[in-house]
Structure formats: structure tokens, C-alpha cells
Amino acid sequence: RLINAEGWAFGSDAAAAIYYAVNNGARVSNNS
């Protein structure tokens, strides 16, 4: 989860989510 309860996020949140997923073994990410 990168979006907060109100439905918004910063670009840094998106980057952190991708780093987390990749570092924890995700081979594919869906980013919509």
C-alpha cells in the first residue's frame, strides 16, 4: 500500500513501495 486512507500519496511513497516490493522478491508490479 502506498496510498493513504484519503486516497493520496507522494512520489516518494510510490518509490518506497517499489523498492519494498523488489527487495522482497516481487518479480512484477502493477502500478495504476
Full PDB file with SEQRES, HELIX, SHEET, SSBOND, CRYST1, ORIGX, SCALE, CONECT and MASTER records, all heavy atoms in Angstrom:
SEQRES   1 A   32  ARG LEU ILE ASN ALA GLU GLY TRP ALA PHE GLY SER ASP          
SEQRES   2 A   32  ALA ALA ALA ALA ILE TYR TYR ALA VAL ASN ASN GLY ALA          
SEQRES   3 A   32  ARG VAL SER ASN ASN SER                                      
HELIX    1 AA1 GLY A   11  ASN A   23  1                                  13    
CRYST1    1.000    1.000    1.000  90.00  90.00  90.00 P 1           1          
ORIGX1      1.000000  0.000000  0.000000        0.00000                         
ORIGX2      0.000000  1.000000  0.000000        0.00000                         
ORIGX3      0.000000  0.000000  1.000000        0.00000                         
SCALE1      1.000000  0.000000  0.000000        0.00000                         
SCALE2      0.000000  1.000000  0.000000        0.00000                         
SCALE3      0.000000  0.000000  1.000000        0.00000                         
ATOM      1  N   ARG A   1       0.837  -1.193   0.000  1.00  0.00           N  
ATOM      2  CA  ARG A   1       0.000   0.000   0.000  1.00  0.00           C  
ATOM      3  C   ARG A   1       0.872   1.244   0.000  1.00  0.00           C  
ATOM      4  O   ARG A   1       1.717   1.425   0.870  1.00  0.00           O  
ATOM      5  CB  ARG A   1      -0.900  -0.019   1.228  1.00  0.00           C  
ATOM      6  CG  ARG A   1      -1.835   1.147   1.280  1.00  0.00           C  
ATOM      7  CD  ARG A   1      -2.801   0.974   2.431  1.00  0.00           C  
ATOM      8  NE  ARG A   1      -3.629   2.150   2.574  1.00  0.00           N  
ATOM      9  CZ  ARG A   1      -4.602   2.239   3.425  1.00  0.00           C  
ATOM     10  NH1 ARG A   1      -4.894   1.225   4.218  1.00  0.00           N  
ATOM     11  NH2 ARG A   1      -5.319   3.337   3.516  1.00  0.00           N  
ATOM     12  N   LEU A   2       0.630   2.133  -0.971  1.00  0.00           N  
ATOM     13  CA  LEU A   2       1.356   3.395  -0.983  1.00  0.00           C  
ATOM     14  C   LEU A   2       0.421   4.585  -0.826  1.00  0.00           C  
ATOM     15  O   LEU A   2       0.852   5.672  -0.489  1.00  0.00           O  
ATOM     16  CB  LEU A   2       2.192   3.549  -2.260  1.00  0.00           C  
ATOM     17  CG  LEU A   2       1.450   3.790  -3.564  1.00  0.00           C  
ATOM     18  CD1 LEU A   2       1.485   5.262  -3.935  1.00  0.00           C  
ATOM     19  CD2 LEU A   2       2.093   2.977  -4.661  1.00  0.00           C  
ATOM     20  N   ILE A   3      -0.862   4.392  -1.063  1.00  0.00           N  
ATOM     21  CA  ILE A   3      -1.850   5.460  -0.947  1.00  0.00           C  
ATOM     22  C   ILE A   3      -2.383   5.485   0.478  1.00  0.00           C  
ATOM     23  O   ILE A   3      -2.671   4.443   1.058  1.00  0.00           O  
ATOM     24  CB  ILE A   3      -3.013   5.203  -1.937  1.00  0.00           C  
ATOM     25  CG1 ILE A   3      -2.497   5.051  -3.365  1.00  0.00           C  
ATOM     26  CG2 ILE A   3      -4.067   6.278  -1.843  1.00  0.00           C  
ATOM     27  CD1 ILE A   3      -1.927   6.283  -3.983  1.00  0.00           C  
ATOM     28  N   ASN A   4      -2.566   6.672   1.037  1.00  0.00           N  
ATOM     29  CA  ASN A   4      -3.075   6.740   2.406  1.00  0.00           C  
ATOM     30  C   ASN A   4      -4.601   6.562   2.429  1.00  0.00           C  
ATOM     31  O   ASN A   4      -5.238   6.386   1.380  1.00  0.00           O  
ATOM     32  CB  ASN A   4      -2.635   8.036   3.096  1.00  0.00           C  
ATOM     33  CG  ASN A   4      -3.296   9.274   2.529  1.00  0.00           C  
ATOM     34  OD1 ASN A   4      -4.257   9.221   1.764  1.00  0.00           O  
ATOM     35  ND2 ASN A   4      -2.784  10.425   2.908  1.00  0.00           N  
ATOM     36  N   ALA A   5      -5.191   6.607   3.599  1.00  0.00           N  
ATOM     37  CA  ALA A   5      -6.625   6.360   3.759  1.00  0.00           C  
ATOM     38  C   ALA A   5      -7.485   7.341   2.978  1.00  0.00           C  
ATOM     39  O   ALA A   5      -8.604   7.029   2.600  1.00  0.00           O  
ATOM     40  CB  ALA A   5      -6.998   6.405   5.241  1.00  0.00           C  
ATOM     41  N   GLU A   6      -6.993   8.531   2.729  1.00  0.00           N  
ATOM     42  CA  GLU A   6      -7.757   9.533   1.991  1.00  0.00           C  
ATOM     43  C   GLU A   6      -7.551   9.437   0.487  1.00  0.00           C  
ATOM     44  O   GLU A   6      -8.157  10.181  -0.267  1.00  0.00           O  
ATOM     45  CB  GLU A   6      -7.384  10.943   2.476  1.00  0.00           C  
ATOM     46  CG  GLU A   6      -7.930  11.281   3.863  1.00  0.00           C  
ATOM     47  CD  GLU A   6      -7.194  10.529   4.975  1.00  0.00           C  
ATOM     48  OE1 GLU A   6      -5.958  10.379   4.897  1.00  0.00           O  
ATOM     49  OE2 GLU A   6      -7.877  10.060   5.900  1.00  0.00           O  
ATOM     50  N   GLY A   7      -6.678   8.556   0.035  1.00  0.00           N  
ATOM     51  CA  GLY A   7      -6.504   8.314  -1.381  1.00  0.00           C  
ATOM     52  C   GLY A   7      -5.405   9.116  -2.057  1.00  0.00           C  
ATOM     53  O   GLY A   7      -5.429   9.295  -3.262  1.00  0.00           O  
ATOM     54  N   TRP A   8      -4.407   9.598  -1.326  1.00  0.00           N  
ATOM     55  CA  TRP A   8      -3.323  10.348  -1.969  1.00  0.00           C  
ATOM     56  C   TRP A   8      -1.972   9.883  -1.442  1.00  0.00           C  
ATOM     57  O   TRP A   8      -1.888   9.222  -0.425  1.00  0.00           O  
ATOM     58  CB  TRP A   8      -3.490  11.859  -1.799  1.00  0.00           C  
ATOM     59  CG  TRP A   8      -3.466  12.348  -0.388  1.00  0.00           C  
ATOM     60  CD1 TRP A   8      -4.551  12.527   0.430  1.00  0.00           C  
ATOM     61  CD2 TRP A   8      -2.331  12.732   0.386  1.00  0.00           C  
ATOM     62  NE1 TRP A   8      -4.149  12.980   1.660  1.00  0.00           N  
ATOM     63  CE2 TRP A   8      -2.790  13.127   1.655  1.00  0.00           C  
ATOM     64  CE3 TRP A   8      -0.960  12.774   0.126  1.00  0.00           C  
ATOM     65  CZ2 TRP A   8      -1.925  13.548   2.654  1.00  0.00           C  
ATOM     66  CZ3 TRP A   8      -0.103  13.194   1.126  1.00  0.00           C  
ATOM     67  CH2 TRP A   8      -0.601  13.586   2.368  1.00  0.00           C  
ATOM     68  N   ALA A   9      -0.926  10.232  -2.189  1.00  0.00           N  
ATOM     69  CA  ALA A   9       0.438   9.855  -1.824  1.00  0.00           C  
ATOM     70  C   ALA A   9       1.416  10.802  -2.492  1.00  0.00           C  
ATOM     71  O   ALA A   9       1.048  11.566  -3.375  1.00  0.00           O  
ATOM     72  CB  ALA A   9       0.731   8.423  -2.259  1.00  0.00           C  
ATOM     73  N   PHE A  10       2.641  10.746  -2.059  1.00  0.00           N  
ATOM     74  CA  PHE A  10       3.737  11.494  -2.663  1.00  0.00           C  
ATOM     75  C   PHE A  10       4.503  10.578  -3.619  1.00  0.00           C  
ATOM     76  O   PHE A  10       4.433   9.356  -3.505  1.00  0.00           O  
ATOM     77  CB  PHE A  10       4.702  12.026  -1.595  1.00  0.00           C  
ATOM     78  CG  PHE A  10       4.082  13.031  -0.677  1.00  0.00           C  
ATOM     79  CD1 PHE A  10       3.726  12.676   0.617  1.00  0.00           C  
ATOM     80  CD2 PHE A  10       3.861  14.337  -1.093  1.00  0.00           C  
ATOM     81  CE1 PHE A  10       3.158  13.607   1.469  1.00  0.00           C  
ATOM     82  CE2 PHE A  10       3.291  15.271  -0.252  1.00  0.00           C  
ATOM     83  CZ  PHE A  10       2.940  14.902   1.042  1.00  0.00           C  
ATOM     84  N   GLY A  11       5.255  11.175  -4.523  1.00  0.00           N  
ATOM     85  CA  GLY A  11       6.109  10.391  -5.406  1.00  0.00           C  
ATOM     86  C   GLY A  11       7.085   9.540  -4.625  1.00  0.00           C  
ATOM     87  O   GLY A  11       7.405   8.416  -5.023  1.00  0.00           O  
ATOM     88  N   SER A  12       7.547  10.052  -3.487  1.00  0.00           N  
ATOM     89  CA  SER A  12       8.481   9.286  -2.660  1.00  0.00           C  
ATOM     90  C   SER A  12       7.804   8.044  -2.071  1.00  0.00           C  
ATOM     91  O   SER A  12       8.463   7.025  -1.850  1.00  0.00           O  
ATOM     92  CB  SER A  12       9.055  10.166  -1.550  1.00  0.00           C  
ATOM     93  OG  SER A  12       8.011  10.750  -0.789  1.00  0.00           O  
ATOM     94  N   ASP A  13       6.485   8.113  -1.830  1.00  0.00           N  
ATOM     95  CA  ASP A  13       5.751   6.937  -1.354  1.00  0.00           C  
ATOM     96  C   ASP A  13       5.729   5.856  -2.430  1.00  0.00           C  
ATOM     97  O   ASP A  13       5.900   4.675  -2.140  1.00  0.00           O  
ATOM     98  CB  ASP A  13       4.310   7.312  -0.988  1.00  0.00           C  
ATOM     99  CG  ASP A  13       4.223   8.302   0.164  1.00  0.00           C  
ATOM    100  OD1 ASP A  13       5.025   8.182   1.113  1.00  0.00           O  
ATOM    101  OD2 ASP A  13       3.357   9.184   0.101  1.00  0.00           O  
ATOM    102  N   ALA A  14       5.501   6.279  -3.674  1.00  0.00           N  
ATOM    103  CA  ALA A  14       5.499   5.327  -4.787  1.00  0.00           C  
ATOM    104  C   ALA A  14       6.869   4.672  -4.929  1.00  0.00           C  
ATOM    105  O   ALA A  14       6.970   3.452  -5.080  1.00  0.00           O  
ATOM    106  CB  ALA A  14       5.101   6.031  -6.083  1.00  0.00           C  
ATOM    107  N   ALA A  15       7.914   5.471  -4.865  1.00  0.00           N  
ATOM    108  CA  ALA A  15       9.278   4.926  -4.982  1.00  0.00           C  
ATOM    109  C   ALA A  15       9.557   3.956  -3.836  1.00  0.00           C  
ATOM    110  O   ALA A  15      10.096   2.865  -4.058  1.00  0.00           O  
ATOM    111  CB  ALA A  15      10.300   6.058  -5.004  1.00  0.00           C  
ATOM    112  N   ALA A  16       9.171   4.311  -2.617  1.00  0.00           N  
ATOM    113  CA  ALA A  16       9.407   3.435  -1.468  1.00  0.00           C  
ATOM    114  C   ALA A  16       8.658   2.116  -1.623  1.00  0.00           C  
ATOM    115  O   ALA A  16       9.186   1.044  -1.281  1.00  0.00           O  
ATOM    116  CB  ALA A  16       8.982   4.130  -0.175  1.00  0.00           C  
ATOM    117  N   ALA A  17       7.446   2.158  -2.159  1.00  0.00           N  
ATOM    118  CA  ALA A  17       6.667   0.936  -2.357  1.00  0.00           C  
ATOM    119  C   ALA A  17       7.330   0.021  -3.374  1.00  0.00           C  
ATOM    120  O   ALA A  17       7.363  -1.202  -3.198  1.00  0.00           O  
ATOM    121  CB  ALA A  17       5.245   1.293  -2.796  1.00  0.00           C  
ATOM    122  N   ILE A  18       7.869   0.603  -4.430  1.00  0.00           N  
ATOM    123  CA  ILE A  18       8.529  -0.205  -5.459  1.00  0.00           C  
ATOM    124  C   ILE A  18       9.812  -0.819  -4.910  1.00  0.00           C  
ATOM    125  O   ILE A  18      10.090  -2.001  -5.120  1.00  0.00           O  
ATOM    126  CB  ILE A  18       8.790   0.629  -6.725  1.00  0.00           C  
ATOM    127  CG1 ILE A  18       7.457   1.074  -7.330  1.00  0.00           C  
ATOM    128  CG2 ILE A  18       9.613  -0.161  -7.742  1.00  0.00           C  
ATOM    129  CD1 ILE A  18       7.585   2.199  -8.329  1.00  0.00           C  
ATOM    130  N   TYR A  19      10.609  -0.013  -4.190  1.00  0.00           N  
ATOM    131  CA  TYR A  19      11.820  -0.564  -3.563  1.00  0.00           C  
ATOM    132  C   TYR A  19      11.451  -1.729  -2.642  1.00  0.00           C  
ATOM    133  O   TYR A  19      12.093  -2.772  -2.649  1.00  0.00           O  
ATOM    134  CB  TYR A  19      12.564   0.502  -2.751  1.00  0.00           C  
ATOM    135  CG  TYR A  19      13.474   1.379  -3.554  1.00  0.00           C  
ATOM    136  CD1 TYR A  19      13.264   2.758  -3.606  1.00  0.00           C  
ATOM    137  CD2 TYR A  19      14.570   0.865  -4.242  1.00  0.00           C  
ATOM    138  CE1 TYR A  19      14.111   3.587  -4.335  1.00  0.00           C  
ATOM    139  CE2 TYR A  19      15.419   1.680  -4.968  1.00  0.00           C  
ATOM    140  CZ  TYR A  19      15.181   3.042  -5.006  1.00  0.00           C  
ATOM    141  OH  TYR A  19      16.022   3.846  -5.730  1.00  0.00           O  
ATOM    142  N   TYR A  20      10.410  -1.545  -1.838  1.00  0.00           N  
ATOM    143  CA  TYR A  20       9.985  -2.587  -0.907  1.00  0.00           C  
ATOM    144  C   TYR A  20       9.621  -3.868  -1.661  1.00  0.00           C  
ATOM    145  O   TYR A  20      10.068  -4.961  -1.305  1.00  0.00           O  
ATOM    146  CB  TYR A  20       8.792  -2.113  -0.077  1.00  0.00           C  
ATOM    147  CG  TYR A  20       8.253  -3.185   0.830  1.00  0.00           C  
ATOM    148  CD1 TYR A  20       8.792  -3.383   2.097  1.00  0.00           C  
ATOM    149  CD2 TYR A  20       7.224  -4.024   0.416  1.00  0.00           C  
ATOM    150  CE1 TYR A  20       8.312  -4.391   2.925  1.00  0.00           C  
ATOM    151  CE2 TYR A  20       6.742  -5.033   1.230  1.00  0.00           C  
ATOM    152  CZ  TYR A  20       7.292  -5.206   2.484  1.00  0.00           C  
ATOM    153  OH  TYR A  20       6.825  -6.217   3.293  1.00  0.00           O  
ATOM    154  N   ALA A  21       8.792  -3.722  -2.691  1.00  0.00           N  
ATOM    155  CA  ALA A  21       8.347  -4.892  -3.448  1.00  0.00           C  
ATOM    156  C   ALA A  21       9.519  -5.616  -4.091  1.00  0.00           C  
ATOM    157  O   ALA A  21       9.638  -6.845  -3.980  1.00  0.00           O  
ATOM    158  CB  ALA A  21       7.327  -4.470  -4.501  1.00  0.00           C  
ATOM    159  N   VAL A  22      10.383  -4.879  -4.757  1.00  0.00           N  
ATOM    160  CA  VAL A  22      11.532  -5.502  -5.435  1.00  0.00           C  
ATOM    161  C   VAL A  22      12.459  -6.165  -4.422  1.00  0.00           C  
ATOM    162  O   VAL A  22      12.892  -7.301  -4.610  1.00  0.00           O  
ATOM    163  CB  VAL A  22      12.289  -4.468  -6.299  1.00  0.00           C  
ATOM    164  CG1 VAL A  22      13.574  -5.058  -6.862  1.00  0.00           C  
ATOM    165  CG2 VAL A  22      11.399  -3.954  -7.419  1.00  0.00           C  
ATOM    166  N   ASN A  23      12.747  -5.477  -3.331  1.00  0.00           N  
ATOM    167  CA  ASN A  23      13.649  -6.023  -2.311  1.00  0.00           C  
ATOM    168  C   ASN A  23      13.067  -7.233  -1.588  1.00  0.00           C  
ATOM    169  O   ASN A  23      13.799  -7.990  -0.948  1.00  0.00           O  
ATOM    170  CB  ASN A  23      14.029  -4.948  -1.299  1.00  0.00           C  
ATOM    171  CG  ASN A  23      15.050  -3.983  -1.846  1.00  0.00           C  
ATOM    172  OD1 ASN A  23      15.887  -4.342  -2.673  1.00  0.00           O  
ATOM    173  ND2 ASN A  23      14.989  -2.732  -1.407  1.00  0.00           N  
ATOM    174  N   ASN A  24      11.747  -7.405  -1.683  1.00  0.00           N  
ATOM    175  CA  ASN A  24      11.099  -8.545  -1.022  1.00  0.00           C  
ATOM    176  C   ASN A  24      10.647  -9.611  -2.016  1.00  0.00           C  
ATOM    177  O   ASN A  24       9.789 -10.434  -1.699  1.00  0.00           O  
ATOM    178  CB  ASN A  24       9.944  -8.057  -0.150  1.00  0.00           C  
ATOM    179  CG  ASN A  24      10.465  -7.435   1.121  1.00  0.00           C  
ATOM    180  OD1 ASN A  24      10.838  -8.140   2.045  1.00  0.00           O  
ATOM    181  ND2 ASN A  24      10.542  -6.118   1.151  1.00  0.00           N  
ATOM    182  N   GLY A  25      11.228  -9.585  -3.212  1.00  0.00           N  
ATOM    183  CA  GLY A  25      11.059 -10.683  -4.143  1.00  0.00           C  
ATOM    184  C   GLY A  25       9.982 -10.544  -5.203  1.00  0.00           C  
ATOM    185  O   GLY A  25       9.764 -11.480  -5.973  1.00  0.00           O  
ATOM    186  N   ALA A  26       9.290  -9.423  -5.275  1.00  0.00           N  
ATOM    187  CA  ALA A  26       8.280  -9.265  -6.328  1.00  0.00           C  
ATOM    188  C   ALA A  26       8.974  -9.212  -7.682  1.00  0.00           C  
ATOM    189  O   ALA A  26       9.924  -8.465  -7.868  1.00  0.00           O  
ATOM    190  CB  ALA A  26       7.460  -8.001  -6.099  1.00  0.00           C  
ATOM    191  N   ARG A  27       8.487 -10.017  -8.606  1.00  0.00           N  
ATOM    192  CA  ARG A  27       9.081 -10.038  -9.944  1.00  0.00           C  
ATOM    193  C   ARG A  27       8.350  -9.117 -10.902  1.00  0.00           C  
ATOM    194  O   ARG A  27       8.907  -8.712 -11.922  1.00  0.00           O  
ATOM    195  CB  ARG A  27       9.093 -11.470 -10.469  1.00  0.00           C  
ATOM    196  CG  ARG A  27       9.973 -12.354  -9.608  1.00  0.00           C  
ATOM    197  CD  ARG A  27      10.081 -13.785 -10.078  1.00  0.00           C  
ATOM    198  NE  ARG A  27       9.215 -14.150 -11.182  1.00  0.00           N  
ATOM    199  CZ  ARG A  27       8.606 -15.321 -11.299  1.00  0.00           C  
ATOM    200  NH1 ARG A  27       8.765 -16.227 -10.379  1.00  0.00           N  
ATOM    201  NH2 ARG A  27       7.862 -15.591 -12.333  1.00  0.00           N  
ATOM    202  N   VAL A  28       7.080  -8.818 -10.602  1.00  0.00           N  
ATOM    203  CA  VAL A  28       6.251  -7.949 -11.430  1.00  0.00           C  
ATOM    204  C   VAL A  28       5.481  -7.031 -10.495  1.00  0.00           C  
ATOM    205  O   VAL A  28       5.044  -7.458  -9.427  1.00  0.00           O  
ATOM    206  CB  VAL A  28       5.239  -8.773 -12.269  1.00  0.00           C  
ATOM    207  CG1 VAL A  28       4.342  -7.868 -13.089  1.00  0.00           C  
ATOM    208  CG2 VAL A  28       5.953  -9.778 -13.149  1.00  0.00           C  
ATOM    209  N   SER A  29       5.325  -5.767 -10.871  1.00  0.00           N  
ATOM    210  CA  SER A  29       4.466  -4.883 -10.080  1.00  0.00           C  
ATOM    211  C   SER A  29       3.456  -4.211 -10.994  1.00  0.00           C  
ATOM    212  O   SER A  29       3.759  -3.851 -12.129  1.00  0.00           O  
ATOM    213  CB  SER A  29       5.287  -3.831  -9.322  1.00  0.00           C  
ATOM    214  OG  SER A  29       6.017  -3.018 -10.218  1.00  0.00           O  
ATOM    215  N   ASN A  30       2.231  -4.100 -10.502  1.00  0.00           N  
ATOM    216  CA  ASN A  30       1.169  -3.398 -11.201  1.00  0.00           C  
ATOM    217  C   ASN A  30       1.037  -2.033 -10.535  1.00  0.00           C  
ATOM    218  O   ASN A  30       0.806  -1.940  -9.334  1.00  0.00           O  
ATOM    219  CB  ASN A  30      -0.147  -4.171 -11.098  1.00  0.00           C  
ATOM    220  CG  ASN A  30      -1.269  -3.384 -11.714  1.00  0.00           C  
ATOM    221  OD1 ASN A  30      -1.246  -3.077 -12.898  1.00  0.00           O  
ATOM    222  ND2 ASN A  30      -2.242  -3.025 -10.897  1.00  0.00           N  
ATOM    223  N   ASN A  31       1.198  -0.987 -11.313  1.00  0.00           N  
ATOM    224  CA  ASN A  31       1.207   0.374 -10.767  1.00  0.00           C  
ATOM    225  C   ASN A  31       0.168   1.210 -11.489  1.00  0.00           C  
ATOM    226  O   ASN A  31       0.435   1.758 -12.541  1.00  0.00           O  
ATOM    227  CB  ASN A  31       2.600   0.991 -10.956  1.00  0.00           C  
ATOM    228  CG  ASN A  31       3.662   0.140 -10.297  1.00  0.00           C  
ATOM    229  OD1 ASN A  31       3.979   0.328  -9.141  1.00  0.00           O  
ATOM    230  ND2 ASN A  31       4.198  -0.823 -11.026  1.00  0.00           N  
ATOM    231  N   SER A  32      -1.013   1.266 -10.935  1.00  0.00           N  
ATOM    232  CA  SER A  32      -2.069   2.038 -11.578  1.00  0.00           C  
ATOM    233  C   SER A  32      -2.446   3.216 -10.680  1.00  0.00           C  
ATOM    234  O   SER A  32      -3.460   3.205 -10.001  1.00  0.00           O  
ATOM    235  CB  SER A  32      -3.287   1.170 -11.893  1.00  0.00           C  
ATOM    236  OG  SER A  32      -3.759   0.518 -10.744  1.00  0.00           O  
TER     237      SER A  32                                                      
MASTER        0    0    0    1    0    0    0    6  236    1    0    3          
END                                                                             
